[in-house]
Amino acid sequence: MFYSKRSKRAHEDIEYIFRTLFPENGFVVREEQILLSHQMLDALLYKQIALCDAGVGIGKTYAYLVACVIMRKYAAYRIISPNGKWPVVISTSSVALQKAIIGEYIPFLSKILLRAGIIQTPLKGCIRKGKERYVCDKRLEHRILAIQDKPKNTRQKEALLSLRTHFDLDDVYGLSGFDRRLVSVPRSCERECRKLSGCRYQRYVQRAKDPDVFIQICNHNYLLADSSHRIKAYQPLLNDYQALVIDEAHKLPEAAQQMFGQSLSMDDIIEISSLLEGEHCRVDALKIREAFRNLSDCIQKECSGEGEGYDDFPQTTDSMLALKMTIQQLRKTQCRTKGAVPRWITNRLGEAGEVLAFFFLHTKGHILYLQQDKNGYPIFCAVSRETPERLGLHLWKRDIPSILTSGTLMAGNGFKRIRQEMGLGDMQCVREYVAKSPFLYRENCLLYLPRTLKRMKKGSPEEVKMIAGHIKDLICVTHGHTLVLFTSYTMMGNVYQELRDKIPFPLLEVWRHSQEEISHFKQQRNAVLFAAGSCWEGVDFPGDMVSSLIIVKLPFAVPDPVSEAEREQYDSLNEYIRNVIVPDMQKRLRQGFGRAIRTEQDTCVVSVLDYRAVPGGAYYEDVLRALPVCKMADSIGAVERFIRERKNVEYYM
């Protein structure tokens, strides 16, 4: 598969790049980063799959980029790729990381490797995203004309007009969701479009197909959509590639559930109907809307609306009849319009009918449940029971060397849980590697588990007051500089109300993706930020801005139909908890803990205000296994001493 001499030279190049070139260009290199890159290179050389758990501060992005570049130079099987270019795909979960790779990492690496003669031509990369992320020039022109003489929110109008020069919708802030849908590239372009010759989207597609592009960057959903196209013998979305890197890999199972699942909502029906009306099929569109609305009315009468926001489909006579009528109407319309409307519209009709057919036949291959949209209409959800197996079929069975990396791939039981979620099982071609963070947690981090925590009724006023009291004491001792992570927006709101007039520091809340509040927090010297949801990961707070991280509750997943179905695979509840619930909690806890120490100079107190996490608690040992070894404290006095020892006078100003 490769020559041993090549392998030796490849590893020597990695040593030279990290030990000589990076330091010469002002980069601090850590031993853990070099070892990680060697492991990644070996996986590529041997056509293996590498699970690499890389701690905070390792520098895993440069580790895998260097491994890929050296692989292209030395791989014996590179001759099978077109033009010998040996392209690579890097899949990430966040837009921010994609932009950093294309705008910072690749240009820097290209510059130093060219200068050293390791590569002969610059590294070229491109970001690949779905059509809905880009502007259609023709639709933009129509939309601007439509709002020209009409009153419109100033910020939204400015965002819309800025699309004349901004092609990527993700680069524009303040754009309304409605405008975004109206100006994005449609699923099917007109062949005779008058804007075709100067179309920015078509130019982007041509640039992406350039055979000199070495690195294609996409998100996990786009990667899985491409693999689905290949399995169905459709036109691939990505250029053929010879190696795969999945960064933020802990997010891949979630993306797979979305991609391999199907759903149907009233918004989908309205969109399909609008498409049919645009193709002069108004009568069919009206019949579909009427049938789905009747089905929704039947469900709303039968469902209790209680529980965690999920319902089973009510198999009453009226509901089943309404379901059958809706399926029939969708299929009739699909047959009647075949050949008369674009194929992708008839495909949408078929997909909608397929989702409803799962509920009518009560298929065992899917987990079926209902959710409610904001208007109370049901959303039909069908999640494949074979998501891990399908991941294996789509990605791991293609004989393409792959690197899966993240700061939280491993849990208390090692890589067992992530292997299970990824469909890797006991595959022999998988290698596991842990690159521990180089940060000195034992000296710079204090883990505070208060001995005064008491068990109380979940969400009760007494529990809110107890938690608020602990948070207030910690904020005062650390003089602000605090991030408080909640697992519940309700609890966050209640504690905020309890403390908003009692804290002598700026107190901010983040309610789902509020980047403005995060930016405001970063601009303050000693503010307090209450956050939940996405703030558990991917948000960077270096320096003294977060010197106290408070985790209010252990981040156990909220039960849902998918987790309930997984529970059925285990003989006992305890076995399920040990193999699934606890490892998932540990990974989430590690993500939250990662907000504390972001640089080698950072010092931070991490507090867990969950009685189950303290000594003697049910999950005390699991918490310790999940986190790095730190100093321990169980009193507020010890917290105060730690902060005073490590912070200078400016910290308190």
Foldseek 3Di string as FASTA:
>chain_A
DFDPVLLVVLLVVLCCCQVPLQVVVPHDADPLLSVLLNVQLVLQQVLFEEEEQEAFPHPNVLSNVSSQLSCLVGRPPLVVDPPSLFAEEEAEADPVVVCCCQPPVQVVVQVSCCVVVVDVDRAAEDEADDQLQWFWVVLLVVVCVVCVPPDDDPLQNVQSVCCVPPTGNVVTPPHDPVSSNRGTDDPDDDPVDPCVVVTPVVVSVVVQPPSNHRYYYYHLLLLLVQLVCVVVVHDGRHDDHQEYEYEVQVCNLVSLQVNQKDKDWLVLLLVLLVLCVVLVNNVLSVQLNVLLVQLQVVQLVVDPCDDDQKAQRDPDPSNLVSLVSNLVSLVVVLVVCVVSHDPVSSVSSVRNSVLSVCNNVVDPQWLWIWGADPVRGIMTITTGPCSLVVLCVSPVVPSHRYYYYYNQCAALVGNQQVCVSNNNHVPPSYDYYYSYNPADQAQFEEEEEAPPFDDDDPPDPVLLVVLLVVVQLLLVLLVALAEEEEADPSSLVSSCVVCVVPHPAAEEEDDPPPVVRVVVLQVDLGHYYYYYDPVLADDEDEDSSHQEYEYAAQNFDDDDSSLVVVCVVDPDPVVSCVNPRLRVSLSSVSSNVSNQHNDNLGHHYYYYNYPLCDVVHVCVVSNPSSDDDYHYHHDSVVVSVSSVVRDDPVSND
